[in-house]
Structures are given as C-alpha cells and as structure tokens.
C-alpha atoms as a PDB file:
ATOM      1  CA  MET A   1     157.620  -1.707 118.236  1.00  0.00           C
ATOM      2  CA  GLY A   2     157.525   1.591 116.329  1.00  0.00           C
ATOM      3  CA  ALA A   3     158.015   0.380 112.779  1.00  0.00           C
ATOM      4  CA  TRP A   4     154.718   1.843 111.607  1.00  0.00           C
ATOM      5  CA  HIS A   5     155.486   5.131 113.299  1.00  0.00           C
ATOM      6  CA  MET A   6     158.790   5.504 111.505  1.00  0.00           C
ATOM      7  CA  VAL A   7     157.098   4.689 108.194  1.00  0.00           C
ATOM      8  CA  GLN A   8     154.380   7.258 108.796  1.00  0.00           C
ATOM      9  CA  ARG A   9     156.550   9.957 110.366  1.00  0.00           C
ATOM     10  CA  PRO A  10     160.280   9.707 109.549  1.00  0.00           C
ATOM     11  CA  SER A  11     161.338  12.597 111.785  1.00  0.00           C
ATOM     12  CA  LEU A  12     164.830  13.698 112.721  1.00  0.00           C
ATOM     13  CA  ARG A  13     164.473  12.030 116.127  1.00  0.00           C
ATOM     14  CA  TRP A  14     163.958   8.672 114.437  1.00  0.00           C
ATOM     15  CA  LEU A  15     167.098   9.214 112.345  1.00  0.00           C
ATOM     16  CA  SER A  16     169.058  10.072 115.485  1.00  0.00           C
ATOM     17  CA  TRP A  17     167.738   6.965 117.248  1.00  0.00           C
ATOM     18  CA  MET A  18     168.689   4.797 114.281  1.00  0.00           C
ATOM     19  CA  LEU A  19     172.203   6.221 114.301  1.00  0.00           C
ATOM     20  CA  PHE A  20     172.368   5.610 118.039  1.00  0.00           C
ATOM     21  CA  ARG A  21     171.096   2.017 117.708  1.00  0.00           C
ATOM     22  CA  PRO A  22     172.158   0.694 114.275  1.00  0.00           C
ATOM     23  CA  GLY A  23     171.929  -2.841 115.668  1.00  0.00           C
ATOM     24  CA  LEU A  24     168.156  -2.749 116.044  1.00  0.00           C
END
C-alpha cells in the first residue's frame, strides 16, 4: 500500500500510524 512512501519519507505521522496499527 504505502511501503515505498514510508521508505522514502519516514515522517512522524508514519511512526504514529505504525504505533496505532502494529499488526499491519
């Protein structure tokens, strides 16, 4: 889905989303 985006731009929002959805 947004794997490339996270690799190119690891922003704070991505970190927050990961913490919110550690299952995905």
